[in-house]
Amino acid sequence: MERIAGLHGHHWMRGLFDEVNDKYLKPYLVKSKARRNMDKSNLVRTANKLAAKDAAAFANSLEVWYEGGQTRHSNSQARYVA
């Protein structure tokens, strides 16, 4: 859609880097056996768990904020409830 409209979204540079990384850099810099095992590594699993935990905490803070009946302008700082 961006290419049709001729406009770029907020994360177009990240998408462009991911394309270049997957297409050119990764095949030359990482062994094929290691590429197959990349998603199975402990680091990737831990990062995914932390991202899910952060998303849950943010969703919880939004729920608390919404139930409190606050408006966007009533609280100048975002607070996360853990």
N, C-alpha and C. Protein backbone atom coordinates (compact mmCIF):
# COMPACT_ATOMS: atom_id res chain seq x y z
N MET A 1 0.83 -1.19 0.00
CA MET A 1 0.00 0.00 0.00
C MET A 1 0.88 1.25 0.00
N GLU A 2 1.98 1.21 0.78
CA GLU A 2 2.85 2.38 0.84
C GLU A 2 3.47 2.67 -0.53
N ARG A 3 3.83 1.61 -1.23
CA ARG A 3 4.45 1.81 -2.54
C ARG A 3 3.47 2.36 -3.56
N ILE A 4 2.20 1.98 -3.44
CA ILE A 4 1.19 2.48 -4.35
C ILE A 4 0.94 3.96 -4.09
N ALA A 5 0.81 4.32 -2.82
CA ALA A 5 0.52 5.71 -2.45
C ALA A 5 1.75 6.60 -2.55
N GLY A 6 2.94 6.01 -2.50
CA GLY A 6 4.16 6.81 -2.55
C GLY A 6 4.51 7.46 -1.22
N LEU A 7 3.91 6.98 -0.15
CA LEU A 7 4.17 7.50 1.19
C LEU A 7 4.80 6.42 2.05
N HIS A 8 5.53 6.82 3.06
CA HIS A 8 6.15 5.87 3.97
C HIS A 8 5.47 5.93 5.33
N GLY A 9 5.33 4.75 5.97
CA GLY A 9 4.77 4.68 7.31
C GLY A 9 5.83 4.98 8.35
N HIS A 10 5.47 4.81 9.60
CA HIS A 10 6.37 5.13 10.70
C HIS A 10 7.56 4.18 10.80
N HIS A 11 7.39 2.94 10.37
CA HIS A 11 8.44 1.94 10.56
C HIS A 11 8.99 1.43 9.23
N TRP A 12 8.98 2.25 8.20
CA TRP A 12 9.43 1.78 6.89
C TRP A 12 10.92 1.49 6.88
N MET A 13 11.72 2.23 7.64
CA MET A 13 13.16 1.98 7.67
C MET A 13 13.45 0.63 8.31
N ARG A 14 12.71 0.28 9.35
CA ARG A 14 12.89 -1.02 9.99
C ARG A 14 12.54 -2.14 9.02
N GLY A 15 11.44 -1.98 8.30
CA GLY A 15 11.05 -2.98 7.32
C GLY A 15 12.08 -3.13 6.21
N LEU A 16 12.62 -2.00 5.76
CA LEU A 16 13.65 -2.02 4.73
C LEU A 16 14.90 -2.74 5.24
N PHE A 17 15.31 -2.46 6.46
CA PHE A 17 16.47 -3.14 7.04
C PHE A 17 16.21 -4.63 7.18
N ASP A 18 15.00 -5.02 7.62
CA ASP A 18 14.68 -6.44 7.76
C ASP A 18 14.76 -7.15 6.41
N GLU A 19 14.28 -6.50 5.36
CA GLU A 19 14.36 -7.10 4.02
C GLU A 19 15.81 -7.30 3.59
N VAL A 20 16.63 -6.27 3.76
CA VAL A 20 18.04 -6.35 3.38
C VAL A 20 18.75 -7.39 4.24
N ASN A 21 18.45 -7.41 5.52
CA ASN A 21 19.07 -8.37 6.42
C ASN A 21 18.73 -9.81 6.02
N ASP A 22 17.45 -10.08 5.79
CA ASP A 22 17.03 -11.44 5.45
C ASP A 22 17.52 -11.87 4.07
N LYS A 23 17.55 -10.93 3.14
CA LYS A 23 17.88 -11.28 1.76
C LYS A 23 19.38 -11.34 1.50
N TYR A 24 20.16 -10.42 2.07
CA TYR A 24 21.56 -10.32 1.72
C TYR A 24 22.53 -10.61 2.87
N LEU A 25 22.32 -9.98 4.02
CA LEU A 25 23.30 -10.08 5.10
C LEU A 25 23.30 -11.45 5.78
N LYS A 26 22.13 -11.91 6.19
CA LYS A 26 22.05 -13.15 6.94
C LYS A 26 22.59 -14.36 6.16
N PRO A 27 22.27 -14.51 4.86
CA PRO A 27 22.82 -15.67 4.15
C PRO A 27 24.34 -15.68 4.06
N TYR A 28 24.96 -14.52 4.03
CA TYR A 28 26.42 -14.46 3.92
C TYR A 28 27.13 -14.47 5.26
N LEU A 29 26.48 -14.01 6.31
CA LEU A 29 27.15 -13.87 7.60
C LEU A 29 26.83 -14.99 8.59
N VAL A 30 25.75 -15.72 8.37
CA VAL A 30 25.34 -16.76 9.31
C VAL A 30 25.27 -18.09 8.58
N LYS A 31 25.84 -19.12 9.18
CA LYS A 31 25.79 -20.46 8.58
C LYS A 31 24.35 -20.94 8.50
N SER A 32 24.06 -21.75 7.49
CA SER A 32 22.68 -22.20 7.29
C SER A 32 22.19 -23.05 8.47
N LYS A 33 23.07 -23.87 9.05
CA LYS A 33 22.67 -24.67 10.21
C LYS A 33 22.33 -23.76 11.40
N ALA A 34 23.11 -22.72 11.58
CA ALA A 34 22.84 -21.79 12.68
C ALA A 34 21.55 -21.01 12.43
N ARG A 35 21.26 -20.68 11.16
CA ARG A 35 20.02 -19.95 10.86
C ARG A 35 18.79 -20.78 11.20
N ARG A 36 18.88 -22.09 11.00
CA ARG A 36 17.73 -22.96 11.33
C ARG A 36 17.48 -22.99 12.83
N ASN A 37 18.54 -22.85 13.62
CA ASN A 37 18.42 -22.95 15.07
C ASN A 37 18.26 -21.59 15.76
N MET A 38 18.26 -20.49 15.01
CA MET A 38 18.21 -19.16 15.62
C MET A 38 16.96 -18.95 16.46
N ASP A 39 15.83 -19.35 15.97
CA ASP A 39 14.58 -19.11 16.70
C ASP A 39 14.42 -20.04 17.88
N LYS A 40 15.25 -21.05 17.98
CA LYS A 40 15.15 -22.01 19.08
C LYS A 40 16.07 -21.64 20.24
N SER A 41 16.82 -20.58 20.09
CA SER A 41 17.79 -20.24 21.13
C SER A 41 17.11 -19.73 22.39
N ASN A 42 17.81 -19.86 23.48
CA ASN A 42 17.30 -19.42 24.78
C ASN A 42 17.12 -17.90 24.81
N LEU A 43 18.00 -17.19 24.13
CA LEU A 43 17.91 -15.73 24.10
C LEU A 43 16.62 -15.27 23.43
N VAL A 44 16.27 -15.90 22.31
CA VAL A 44 15.05 -15.51 21.59
C VAL A 44 13.82 -15.85 22.42
N ARG A 45 13.82 -17.02 23.04
CA ARG A 45 12.67 -17.40 23.89
C ARG A 45 12.52 -16.44 25.06
N THR A 46 13.63 -16.06 25.68
CA THR A 46 13.57 -15.13 26.81
C THR A 46 13.08 -13.76 26.36
N ALA A 47 13.56 -13.29 25.21
CA ALA A 47 13.12 -12.00 24.70
C ALA A 47 11.62 -12.02 24.40
N ASN A 48 11.12 -13.11 23.84
CA ASN A 48 9.69 -13.21 23.56
C ASN A 48 8.86 -13.22 24.84
N LYS A 49 9.36 -13.92 25.88
CA LYS A 49 8.65 -13.94 27.16
C LYS A 49 8.61 -12.55 27.79
N LEU A 50 9.74 -11.83 27.73
CA LEU A 50 9.77 -10.48 28.30
C LEU A 50 8.86 -9.53 27.54
N ALA A 51 8.81 -9.66 26.22
CA ALA A 51 7.93 -8.81 25.42
C ALA A 51 6.47 -9.09 25.77
N ALA A 52 6.12 -10.36 25.96
CA ALA A 52 4.75 -10.72 26.33
C ALA A 52 4.41 -10.18 27.72
N LYS A 53 5.38 -10.25 28.63
CA LYS A 53 5.16 -9.75 29.99
C LYS A 53 4.95 -8.23 29.98
N ASP A 54 5.76 -7.52 29.18
CA ASP A 54 5.60 -6.07 29.07
C ASP A 54 4.25 -5.70 28.46
N ALA A 55 3.84 -6.46 27.45
CA ALA A 55 2.54 -6.19 26.82
C ALA A 55 1.40 -6.41 27.80
N ALA A 56 1.51 -7.46 28.60
CA ALA A 56 0.47 -7.74 29.60
C ALA A 56 0.43 -6.63 30.65
N ALA A 57 1.60 -6.16 31.08
CA ALA A 57 1.63 -5.08 32.07
C ALA A 57 1.04 -3.80 31.50
N PHE A 58 1.33 -3.51 30.25
CA PHE A 58 0.78 -2.31 29.62
C PHE A 58 -0.73 -2.43 29.47
N ALA A 59 -1.21 -3.62 29.06
CA ALA A 59 -2.65 -3.83 28.93
C ALA A 59 -3.34 -3.68 30.29
N ASN A 60 -2.70 -4.17 31.34
CA ASN A 60 -3.26 -4.04 32.68
C ASN A 60 -3.32 -2.58 33.10
N SER A 61 -2.27 -1.81 32.78
CA SER A 61 -2.28 -0.40 33.15
C SER A 61 -3.36 0.36 32.38
N LEU A 62 -3.59 -0.03 31.13
CA LEU A 62 -4.67 0.61 30.37
C LEU A 62 -6.03 0.27 30.96
N GLU A 63 -6.19 -0.97 31.41
CA GLU A 63 -7.45 -1.37 32.02
C GLU A 63 -7.71 -0.58 33.30
N VAL A 64 -6.69 -0.43 34.13
CA VAL A 64 -6.82 0.35 35.37
C VAL A 64 -7.14 1.80 35.04
N TRP A 65 -6.46 2.35 34.06
CA TRP A 65 -6.70 3.72 33.64
C TRP A 65 -8.12 3.90 33.13
N TYR A 66 -8.58 2.95 32.33
CA TYR A 66 -9.91 3.05 31.75
C TYR A 66 -10.99 2.92 32.83
N GLU A 67 -10.79 1.99 33.75
CA GLU A 67 -11.77 1.80 34.82
C GLU A 67 -11.82 3.00 35.76
N GLY A 68 -10.71 3.72 35.85
CA GLY A 68 -10.67 4.90 36.71
C GLY A 68 -11.39 6.09 36.11
N GLY A 69 -11.76 5.99 34.85
CA GLY A 69 -12.49 7.06 34.20
C GLY A 69 -11.65 8.27 33.90
N GLN A 70 -10.35 8.09 33.82
CA GLN A 70 -9.46 9.21 33.55
C GLN A 70 -9.48 9.54 32.07
N THR A 71 -9.21 10.79 31.80
CA THR A 71 -9.04 11.19 30.41
C THR A 71 -7.55 11.23 30.11
N ARG A 72 -7.24 11.39 28.88
CA ARG A 72 -5.85 11.39 28.45
C ARG A 72 -5.09 12.54 29.09
N HIS A 73 -5.74 13.64 29.34
CA HIS A 73 -5.07 14.83 29.85
C HIS A 73 -5.09 14.94 31.38
N SER A 74 -5.79 14.03 32.06
CA SER A 74 -5.87 14.16 33.50
C SER A 74 -4.62 13.66 34.21
N ASN A 75 -3.83 12.86 33.54
CA ASN A 75 -2.61 12.33 34.14
C ASN A 75 -1.48 12.54 33.15
N SER A 76 -0.53 13.40 33.49
CA SER A 76 0.50 13.77 32.52
C SER A 76 1.56 12.70 32.35
N GLN A 77 1.72 11.78 33.31
CA GLN A 77 2.72 10.74 33.18
C GLN A 77 2.03 9.38 33.14
N ALA A 78 2.49 8.51 32.22
CA ALA A 78 1.95 7.17 32.12
C ALA A 78 2.51 6.34 33.27
N ARG A 79 1.65 5.61 33.93
CA ARG A 79 2.09 4.76 35.03
C ARG A 79 1.73 3.31 34.71
N TYR A 80 2.69 2.45 34.89
CA TYR A 80 2.47 1.03 34.66
C TYR A 80 2.19 0.35 35.99
N VAL A 81 1.22 -0.51 36.00
CA VAL A 81 0.87 -1.26 37.18
C VAL A 81 1.41 -2.66 36.99
N ALA A 82 2.33 -3.07 37.84
CA ALA A 82 2.95 -4.40 37.67
C ALA A 82 2.31 -5.41 38.58
